[in-house]
Amino acid sequence: MVINRGLLFIRENNEADPVNKLIEWRRAFHQFPEIGWAEFVTTGTIITLLRDMDIEVKAGPHILCRESILGRDEELVKEAIKIAKEKEISTDLLTEMDGLTGCMAIIDTEIPGPTFAFRFDIDCVYVQESNDENHLPNKQGFASCRSGLMHACGHDGHTAIGLGLAHWLKQNIHVLRGKYKLIFQPAEEGVRGARAISDSGILDDTDYFMGMHIGCNLKKGEVALDPFDFLCTTKLDIFLKGKVANATDEPEKGTNALVGACFLANEILATPRHGKGMTRVNVGTLIAGENRSLIPSSAKMQLEVRGQDAEITKYLFDNIKKYTAGIASAYHLETKIEVTGEATNFRNDPEMINLMQAIIDTHPELLNVTLPLGGSEDVSLMVRRVQEQGGKAIFFLVGADQSDGHHKEKFDIDEEALSIGLTLFTEGILSILNIPN
């Protein structure tokens, strides 16, 4: 059959080979990557596939708190909707999305039991995929068809696993109990999407939450059930507004946003570190000015801070706010700080770790390994939300013999790892329900 007029091809006759189905889904999404908050083709395709499985689906407006959306570029959204129309995503479906990407599948057995929630991120990154003829997506004809955009972090695989889990749940609903929520999350990159989902309240009845990430420099067969050293992070845009003036005729009438921004960048990078744990501070971009003959009247910088816990991250952010206020006063500038993304630290629940370890022990080809992450993941906000409401949560990593580092042009995975991720989810469900596998 053909989904969305040529975007996604799924063979009807491979029901007996779910591994091939996962691979086909992953490769289809790999070909058409979309950046965070702009995943309208991806979301439309996911919704269509889920509804073809006779599964209830709620679109973005029903699973996101609009007031909590971070780091969304309205111009990119408008362009993405235009592209979705060109790709013949239906008008009815785009109307249902109402400008918001992501969706949630709901499978209710209508038999009393726990509520499960699963998270699968769907966005890509700004990376130009390699044109090396030995790069598997090129050899097999599924490389990104979009210049400067690539699924270089494995989210195409996550999406495929989510669809595979939905299919498995639907096929096995007669032996299951409880309710299952499969969240296809937009805008994980830049840790922008999870806050809006967490604040929507859709996780508040969750008894068991599970999420995963593929790759992470692990070998195929390795699983990190309890990755640690997730860093809290806050992503920021700082805007500085001065007063333009001719640099030759009336320089004294201008207020220089560029100079203020340069001093601010220096102050931020010199922020004293914290004695209680890891800190990271980075100014990634600084754009300012109009042309060489004018006193620069505007500047914008993009930056991030990361800390080992929320206290340290708040300390870094508070210092940045003080420095920004000081520069505004010293250089007579107006300033604005905008939070564009955030994540926190977390630890998996021991009960979930032990449960998943028991599953791994039944698979001699799998090995639980210890892995300090040292990065940030906005799934942390979902984990924390579930735990605060009394639920249990786990986020684990699945090795895939990746061919290059995440967010790099030759990133690729051993696609057999997709079935490992799916197996851990399905056997986790059966174990929690105490159903023999």
Protein backbone atom coordinates (compact mmCIF):
# COMPACT_ATOMS: atom_id res chain seq x y z
CA MET A 1 0.00 0.00 0.00
CA VAL A 2 1.01 3.62 -0.40
CA ILE A 3 0.74 6.10 2.48
CA ASN A 4 0.58 9.83 1.78
CA ARG A 5 0.98 9.41 -1.97
CA GLY A 6 4.49 8.12 -2.21
CA LEU A 7 6.08 9.39 1.00
CA LEU A 8 5.90 6.09 2.85
CA PHE A 9 5.71 2.63 1.30
CA ILE A 10 4.83 -0.33 3.52
CA ARG A 11 4.37 -3.84 2.10
CA GLU A 12 1.10 -5.49 3.06
CA ASN A 13 2.65 -8.96 2.90
CA ASN A 14 5.33 -8.68 5.58
CA GLU A 15 3.15 -9.21 8.65
CA ALA A 16 5.21 -12.31 9.42
CA ASP A 17 8.44 -10.34 9.35
CA PRO A 18 8.13 -7.46 11.84
CA VAL A 19 11.88 -6.74 11.66
CA ASN A 20 11.56 -5.85 7.98
CA LYS A 21 8.58 -3.67 8.77
CA LEU A 22 10.57 -1.73 11.37
CA ILE A 23 13.38 -1.24 8.87
CA GLU A 24 11.01 -0.03 6.16
CA TRP A 25 9.41 2.49 8.50
CA ARG A 26 12.79 3.71 9.74
CA ARG A 27 14.12 4.17 6.20
CA ALA A 28 11.00 6.00 5.04
CA PHE A 29 11.25 8.53 7.88
CA HIS A 30 15.00 8.82 7.31
CA GLN A 31 14.36 10.04 3.77
CA PHE A 32 12.23 12.98 4.82
CA PRO A 33 13.63 14.49 8.04
CA GLU A 34 11.93 17.48 9.66
CA ILE A 35 13.24 19.86 12.30
CA GLY A 36 11.56 20.34 15.69
CA TRP A 37 8.05 21.90 15.72
CA ALA A 38 7.99 21.52 11.92
CA GLU A 39 7.33 17.76 11.68
CA PHE A 40 4.00 18.01 9.85
CA VAL A 41 4.72 15.39 7.17
CA THR A 42 6.17 13.07 9.80
CA THR A 43 3.23 13.57 12.16
CA GLY A 44 0.69 13.22 9.38
CA THR A 45 2.30 9.97 8.29
CA ILE A 46 2.38 8.58 11.85
CA ILE A 47 -1.28 9.45 12.43
CA THR A 48 -2.31 7.87 9.13
CA LEU A 49 -0.40 4.66 9.84
CA LEU A 50 -1.82 4.39 13.36
CA ARG A 51 -5.39 4.97 12.19
CA ASP A 52 -4.88 2.37 9.47
CA MET A 53 -4.20 -0.01 12.40
CA ASP A 54 -7.59 1.06 13.82
CA ILE A 55 -5.90 2.83 16.74
CA GLU A 56 -7.22 5.98 18.41
CA VAL A 57 -4.88 8.96 17.91
CA LYS A 58 -4.87 12.42 19.44
CA ALA A 59 -3.02 15.13 17.53
CA GLY A 60 -0.72 17.82 18.94
CA PRO A 61 -3.32 20.28 20.32
CA HIS A 62 -4.66 17.54 22.61
CA ILE A 63 -1.30 16.51 24.08
CA LEU A 64 0.62 19.80 24.28
CA CYS A 65 0.25 22.79 26.59
CA ARG A 66 0.62 25.73 24.20
CA GLU A 67 1.81 28.07 26.97
CA SER A 68 4.74 25.73 27.70
CA ILE A 69 6.07 25.46 24.14
CA LEU A 70 9.74 26.41 23.93
CA GLY A 71 11.98 27.45 21.04
CA ARG A 72 9.38 27.50 18.27
CA ASP A 73 10.08 29.50 15.09
CA GLU A 74 6.77 30.56 13.55
CA GLU A 75 8.30 31.17 10.13
CA LEU A 76 9.68 27.62 10.03
CA VAL A 77 6.26 26.33 11.05
CA LYS A 78 4.53 28.22 8.24
CA GLU A 79 7.04 26.90 5.70
CA ALA A 80 6.65 23.35 7.03
CA ILE A 81 2.86 23.48 6.69
CA LYS A 82 3.29 24.64 3.09
CA ILE A 83 5.62 21.70 2.42
CA ALA A 84 3.15 19.31 4.06
CA LYS A 85 0.43 20.51 1.69
CA GLU A 86 2.79 19.96 -1.24
CA LYS A 87 3.38 16.43 0.06
CA GLU A 88 -0.41 16.03 0.07
CA ILE A 89 -0.94 15.70 3.78
CA SER A 90 -4.69 16.20 3.86
CA THR A 91 -6.25 19.53 4.72
CA ASP A 92 -8.42 17.80 7.32
CA LEU A 93 -5.35 16.36 9.02
CA LEU A 94 -3.51 19.69 9.01
CA THR A 95 -6.61 21.35 10.44
CA GLU A 96 -6.69 18.72 13.18
CA MET A 97 -3.02 19.44 13.98
CA ASP A 98 -3.84 23.15 14.28
CA GLY A 99 -0.23 24.20 13.84
CA LEU A 100 1.17 21.71 16.38
CA THR A 101 3.12 18.56 15.60
CA GLY A 102 3.36 15.32 17.54
CA CYS A 103 0.61 12.90 18.47
CA MET A 104 -0.39 10.19 20.93
CA ALA A 105 -1.78 6.75 20.21
CA ILE A 106 -4.18 5.35 22.81
CA ILE A 107 -4.88 1.64 23.10
CA ASP A 108 -7.36 0.84 25.87
CA THR A 109 -8.04 -2.82 26.60
CA GLU A 110 -11.07 -1.78 28.71
CA ILE A 111 -9.90 -4.38 31.23
CA PRO A 112 -8.78 -2.96 34.61
CA GLY A 113 -5.02 -2.66 34.82
CA PRO A 114 -2.14 -0.18 34.90
CA THR A 115 -1.67 2.77 32.57
CA PHE A 116 1.52 2.64 30.52
CA ALA A 117 3.15 5.54 28.68
CA PHE A 118 5.95 5.39 26.12
CA ARG A 119 7.89 8.19 24.47
CA PHE A 120 9.30 8.28 20.92
CA ASP A 121 10.90 11.48 19.59
CA ILE A 122 10.39 12.30 15.90
CA ASP A 123 12.50 15.33 14.90
CA CYS A 124 15.81 15.59 13.04
CA VAL A 125 18.90 17.80 13.27
CA TYR A 126 20.60 20.39 11.07
CA VAL A 127 23.19 18.09 9.48
CA GLN A 128 24.00 17.55 5.81
CA GLU A 129 24.06 13.81 5.21
CA SER A 130 27.25 12.36 3.74
CA ASN A 131 27.34 11.61 0.02
CA ASP A 132 29.94 8.87 0.54
CA GLU A 133 28.93 5.94 -1.65
CA ASN A 134 29.75 3.52 1.18
CA HIS A 135 27.32 5.23 3.56
CA LEU A 136 24.48 2.68 3.87
CA PRO A 137 21.60 5.13 3.27
CA ASN A 138 23.27 6.04 -0.02
CA LYS A 139 23.96 2.42 -0.98
CA GLN A 140 20.39 1.40 -0.19
CA GLY A 141 18.72 4.53 -1.57
CA PHE A 142 17.15 6.00 1.56
CA ALA A 143 19.42 8.96 2.31
CA SER A 144 17.86 12.28 3.29
CA CYS A 145 16.28 14.08 0.34
CA ARG A 146 16.34 17.40 2.22
CA SER A 147 19.44 19.57 2.05
CA GLY A 148 20.92 20.37 5.46
CA LEU A 149 18.54 18.11 7.37
CA MET A 150 19.22 14.57 8.57
CA HIS A 151 18.05 11.97 11.03
CA ALA A 152 21.54 11.88 12.54
CA CYS A 153 20.42 10.97 16.07
CA GLY A 154 18.27 7.89 15.61
CA HIS A 155 14.83 9.44 15.99
CA ASP A 156 13.73 7.79 12.74
CA GLY A 157 14.46 4.48 14.46
CA HIS A 158 12.60 5.55 17.58
CA THR A 159 9.56 6.42 15.49
CA ALA A 160 9.67 3.04 13.78
CA ILE A 161 9.88 1.26 17.14
CA GLY A 162 6.88 3.27 18.36
CA LEU A 163 4.84 2.17 15.36
CA GLY A 164 6.02 -1.39 15.89
CA LEU A 165 4.91 -1.27 19.51
CA ALA A 166 1.50 0.10 18.49
CA HIS A 167 1.11 -2.76 16.02
CA TRP A 168 2.14 -5.34 18.65
CA LEU A 169 -0.27 -3.91 21.23
CA LYS A 170 -3.15 -3.96 18.77
CA GLN A 171 -2.38 -7.53 17.72
CA ASN A 172 -2.13 -8.73 21.33
CA ILE A 173 -4.85 -6.63 22.96
CA HIS A 174 -6.85 -9.77 23.81
CA VAL A 175 -4.22 -10.92 26.32
CA LEU A 176 -3.35 -7.53 27.81
CA ARG A 177 -4.84 -5.35 30.55
CA GLY A 178 -4.91 -1.63 31.19
CA LYS A 179 -4.32 1.38 28.95
CA TYR A 180 -1.35 2.25 26.70
CA LYS A 181 -0.29 5.74 25.61
CA LEU A 182 2.34 6.03 22.88
CA ILE A 183 3.64 9.60 22.69
CA PHE A 184 5.36 10.68 19.48
CA GLN A 185 7.16 13.78 20.73
CA PRO A 186 8.16 16.78 18.60
CA ALA A 187 11.22 18.96 19.15
CA GLU A 188 13.47 16.85 21.35
CA GLU A 189 16.54 18.44 19.80
CA GLY A 190 17.28 21.57 21.76
CA VAL A 191 15.23 19.97 24.58
CA ARG A 192 12.18 21.97 23.52
CA GLY A 193 9.23 19.60 23.30
CA ALA A 194 8.89 17.68 26.55
CA ARG A 195 7.89 20.61 28.75
CA ALA A 196 4.71 21.18 26.72
CA ILE A 197 3.82 17.49 26.93
CA SER A 198 4.56 17.23 30.66
CA ASP A 199 2.57 20.35 31.46
CA SER A 200 -0.44 19.09 29.47
CA GLY A 201 -1.23 16.55 32.18
CA ILE A 202 -1.46 13.53 29.84
CA LEU A 203 1.13 11.68 31.94
CA ASP A 204 -0.50 12.23 35.31
CA ASP A 205 -2.35 8.89 35.39
CA THR A 206 0.72 6.91 34.31
CA ASP A 207 1.70 3.91 36.41
CA TYR A 208 4.66 2.87 34.24
CA PHE A 209 6.67 5.06 31.87
CA MET A 210 9.28 3.72 29.45
CA GLY A 211 11.55 5.46 26.96
CA MET A 212 14.74 4.61 25.11
CA HIS A 213 17.46 6.00 22.87
CA ILE A 214 19.26 4.04 20.20
CA GLY A 215 23.01 4.29 19.56
CA CYS A 216 24.89 6.29 22.20
CA ASN A 217 28.20 4.65 21.21
CA LEU A 218 27.12 1.26 22.51
CA LYS A 219 27.68 -1.98 20.62
CA LYS A 220 24.71 -3.92 19.32
CA GLY A 221 23.57 -6.16 22.13
CA GLU A 222 24.67 -3.73 24.83
CA VAL A 223 21.93 -2.05 26.83
CA ALA A 224 22.40 0.65 29.47
CA LEU A 225 19.46 0.17 31.82
CA ASP A 226 20.55 2.87 34.24
CA PRO A 227 22.47 5.59 32.40
CA PHE A 228 23.55 8.33 34.78
CA ASP A 229 25.05 11.82 34.86
CA PHE A 230 22.20 13.34 32.86
CA LEU A 231 22.84 17.06 33.09
CA CYS A 232 20.21 19.68 33.74
CA THR A 233 20.25 22.33 31.04
CA THR A 234 18.68 25.64 30.09
CA LYS A 235 18.88 26.92 26.51
CA LEU A 236 18.68 30.71 26.16
CA ASP A 237 18.39 33.43 23.54
CA ILE A 238 19.44 36.89 24.69
CA PHE A 239 18.34 39.92 22.70
CA LEU A 240 20.02 43.33 23.07
CA LYS A 241 18.54 46.48 21.58
CA GLY A 242 20.43 49.74 21.27
CA LYS A 243 20.03 52.81 19.09
CA VAL A 244 21.23 53.05 15.52
CA ALA A 245 23.29 56.05 14.36
CA ASN A 246 25.63 56.91 11.53
CA ALA A 247 29.13 55.91 12.60
CA THR A 248 30.70 58.89 10.79
CA ASP A 249 28.29 61.81 11.27
CA GLU A 250 26.73 61.13 14.68
CA PRO A 251 28.33 58.19 16.51
CA GLU A 252 27.56 59.81 19.86
CA LYS A 253 23.83 59.40 19.21
CA GLY A 254 24.02 55.59 18.99
CA THR A 255 24.07 52.92 21.66
CA ASN A 256 26.15 49.95 20.57
CA ALA A 257 24.44 46.58 21.02
CA LEU A 258 27.37 44.73 19.44
CA VAL A 259 29.90 46.00 21.97
CA GLY A 260 27.50 45.24 24.82
CA ALA A 261 26.94 41.73 23.48
CA CYS A 262 30.70 41.09 23.20
CA PHE A 263 31.27 42.12 26.81
CA LEU A 264 28.27 40.04 27.88
CA ALA A 265 29.61 36.95 26.07
CA ASN A 266 32.94 37.34 27.87
CA GLU A 267 31.22 37.66 31.24
CA ILE A 268 29.03 34.62 30.61
CA LEU A 269 31.95 32.44 29.57
CA ALA A 270 33.85 33.54 32.68
CA THR A 271 31.03 32.51 35.03
CA PRO A 272 32.60 30.95 38.16
CA ARG A 273 32.00 27.21 38.18
CA HIS A 274 30.23 25.41 41.01
CA GLY A 275 31.97 23.28 43.60
CA LYS A 276 29.16 20.75 43.98
CA GLY A 277 29.28 19.26 40.49
CA MET A 278 29.77 19.51 36.75
CA THR A 279 29.06 22.77 34.93
CA ARG A 280 29.01 23.64 31.24
CA VAL A 281 28.57 27.12 29.73
CA ASN A 282 28.65 27.90 26.03
CA VAL A 283 27.81 30.88 23.84
CA GLY A 284 27.10 29.29 20.49
CA THR A 285 26.17 32.24 18.27
CA LEU A 286 26.34 36.01 18.35
CA ILE A 287 24.76 37.99 15.52
CA ALA A 288 24.70 41.77 15.58
CA GLY A 289 24.55 44.96 13.57
CA GLU A 290 23.19 46.24 10.29
CA ASN A 291 26.20 47.30 8.20
CA ARG A 292 29.74 48.68 8.54
CA SER A 293 28.65 52.34 8.52
CA LEU A 294 26.10 52.20 11.34
CA ILE A 295 26.38 51.88 15.10
CA PRO A 296 24.96 48.37 15.71
CA SER A 297 21.50 48.70 17.23
CA SER A 298 20.67 45.03 17.76
CA ALA A 299 22.33 41.81 18.80
CA LYS A 300 21.23 38.27 19.53
CA MET A 301 23.17 35.47 21.14
CA GLN A 302 22.26 31.82 21.58
CA LEU A 303 23.74 30.00 24.54
CA GLU A 304 23.28 27.16 26.96
CA VAL A 305 24.17 26.21 30.50
CA ARG A 306 24.33 22.69 31.93
CA GLY A 307 24.74 21.54 35.49
CA GLN A 308 24.86 18.27 37.37
CA ASP A 309 21.65 19.16 39.18
CA ALA A 310 18.92 21.78 39.20
CA GLU A 311 20.63 23.88 41.88
CA ILE A 312 23.82 24.22 39.84
CA THR A 313 21.94 25.01 36.63
CA LYS A 314 19.89 27.68 38.41
CA TYR A 315 23.11 29.16 39.78
CA LEU A 316 24.49 29.49 36.23
CA PHE A 317 21.25 30.95 34.88
CA ASP A 318 20.98 33.44 37.76
CA ASN A 319 24.49 34.68 37.04
CA ILE A 320 23.63 35.19 33.39
CA LYS A 321 20.59 37.26 34.35
CA LYS A 322 22.77 39.45 36.59
CA TYR A 323 25.39 39.94 33.89
CA THR A 324 22.70 40.82 31.32
CA ALA A 325 21.15 43.41 33.62
CA GLY A 326 24.59 44.89 34.31
CA ILE A 327 25.47 45.17 30.62
CA ALA A 328 22.09 46.74 29.90
CA SER A 329 22.76 49.42 32.48
CA ALA A 330 26.39 50.03 31.48
CA TYR A 331 25.70 50.29 27.73
CA HIS A 332 22.19 51.80 27.86
CA LEU A 333 20.60 48.82 26.15
CA GLU A 334 17.25 47.12 26.36
CA THR A 335 17.59 43.38 26.92
CA LYS A 336 15.35 40.31 26.86
CA ILE A 337 16.12 36.73 27.84
CA GLU A 338 14.07 33.96 26.27
CA VAL A 339 14.24 30.35 27.47
CA THR A 340 14.14 28.11 24.38
CA GLY A 341 14.70 24.67 25.91
CA GLU A 342 15.22 22.84 29.17
CA ALA A 343 15.89 19.46 30.72
CA THR A 344 16.54 18.23 34.21
CA ASN A 345 18.44 15.38 35.84
CA PHE A 346 16.79 12.13 36.90
CA ARG A 347 17.39 8.52 37.92
CA ASN A 348 15.44 5.48 36.87
CA ASP A 349 13.33 3.68 39.44
CA PRO A 350 15.17 0.66 40.89
CA GLU A 351 12.08 -1.53 40.48
CA MET A 352 12.08 -0.87 36.74
CA ILE A 353 15.82 -1.49 36.43
CA ASN A 354 15.50 -4.84 38.21
CA LEU A 355 12.51 -5.82 36.08
CA MET A 356 14.35 -5.06 32.84
CA GLN A 357 17.51 -6.77 34.09
CA ALA A 358 15.53 -9.96 34.60
CA ILE A 359 14.43 -9.71 30.96
CA ILE A 360 17.98 -9.18 29.72
CA ASP A 361 19.09 -12.20 31.74
CA THR A 362 16.86 -14.36 29.54
CA HIS A 363 18.62 -13.10 26.38
CA PRO A 364 22.25 -14.27 26.22
CA GLU A 365 22.86 -11.92 23.28
CA LEU A 366 22.14 -8.89 25.49
CA LEU A 367 24.33 -7.32 28.17
CA ASN A 368 23.53 -4.53 30.61
CA VAL A 369 26.43 -2.06 30.75
CA THR A 370 27.25 0.93 32.95
CA LEU A 371 27.30 4.24 31.10
CA PRO A 372 27.67 7.82 32.36
CA LEU A 373 25.90 9.98 29.78
CA GLY A 374 27.18 13.48 30.50
CA GLY A 375 24.53 14.99 28.23
CA SER A 376 20.94 16.22 28.47
CA GLU A 377 17.59 14.70 27.45
CA ASP A 378 14.20 16.33 27.79
CA VAL A 379 12.60 12.95 28.46
CA SER A 380 13.82 13.83 31.95
CA LEU A 381 10.85 16.16 32.36
CA MET A 382 8.46 13.31 31.58
CA VAL A 383 10.26 10.91 33.91
CA ARG A 384 10.13 13.46 36.72
CA ARG A 385 6.44 14.20 36.08
CA VAL A 386 5.52 10.51 36.27
CA GLN A 387 7.62 9.93 39.38
CA GLU A 388 6.15 12.97 41.13
CA GLN A 389 2.66 11.54 40.52
CA GLY A 390 3.66 8.20 42.05
CA GLY A 391 4.43 6.26 38.86
CA LYS A 392 7.55 4.27 38.01
CA ALA A 393 9.81 5.20 35.09
CA ILE A 394 12.82 4.00 33.12
CA PHE A 395 14.79 5.45 30.22
CA PHE A 396 17.39 3.10 28.76
CA LEU A 397 19.91 3.05 25.91
CA VAL A 398 20.14 0.40 23.18
CA GLY A 399 23.42 -0.15 21.33
CA ALA A 400 23.36 -0.25 17.54
CA ASP A 401 26.98 -0.39 16.29
CA GLN A 402 26.53 3.15 14.98
CA SER A 403 28.90 4.11 12.17
CA ASP A 404 29.59 7.66 13.40
CA GLY A 405 28.81 9.93 16.33
CA HIS A 406 25.39 11.41 16.89
CA HIS A 407 24.70 14.59 14.91
CA LYS A 408 27.40 13.71 12.36
CA GLU A 409 27.08 13.28 8.61
CA LYS A 410 27.79 9.52 8.50
CA PHE A 411 25.63 8.56 11.47
CA ASP A 412 23.89 5.25 10.85
CA ILE A 413 22.76 2.26 12.89
CA ASP A 414 22.66 -1.50 12.61
CA GLU A 415 18.95 -1.82 11.96
CA GLU A 416 18.72 -5.15 13.80
CA ALA A 417 18.89 -3.03 16.97
CA LEU A 418 15.37 -1.79 16.22
CA SER A 419 13.96 -5.19 17.11
CA ILE A 420 15.99 -5.19 20.35
CA GLY A 421 14.34 -1.94 21.42
CA LEU A 422 10.89 -3.24 20.53
CA THR A 423 11.51 -6.54 22.34
CA LEU A 424 12.52 -4.76 25.54
CA PHE A 425 9.31 -2.73 25.48
CA THR A 426 7.02 -5.68 24.78
CA GLU A 427 8.66 -8.02 27.27
CA GLY A 428 8.67 -5.21 29.83
CA ILE A 429 4.91 -4.92 29.45
CA LEU A 430 4.42 -8.67 29.79
CA SER A 431 6.64 -8.79 32.86
CA ILE A 432 4.77 -5.96 34.59
CA LEU A 433 1.45 -7.68 33.83
CA ASN A 434 2.92 -11.03 34.92
CA ILE A 435 1.99 -12.63 31.60
CA PRO A 436 4.25 -15.51 30.49
CA ASN A 437 6.20 -14.65 27.36
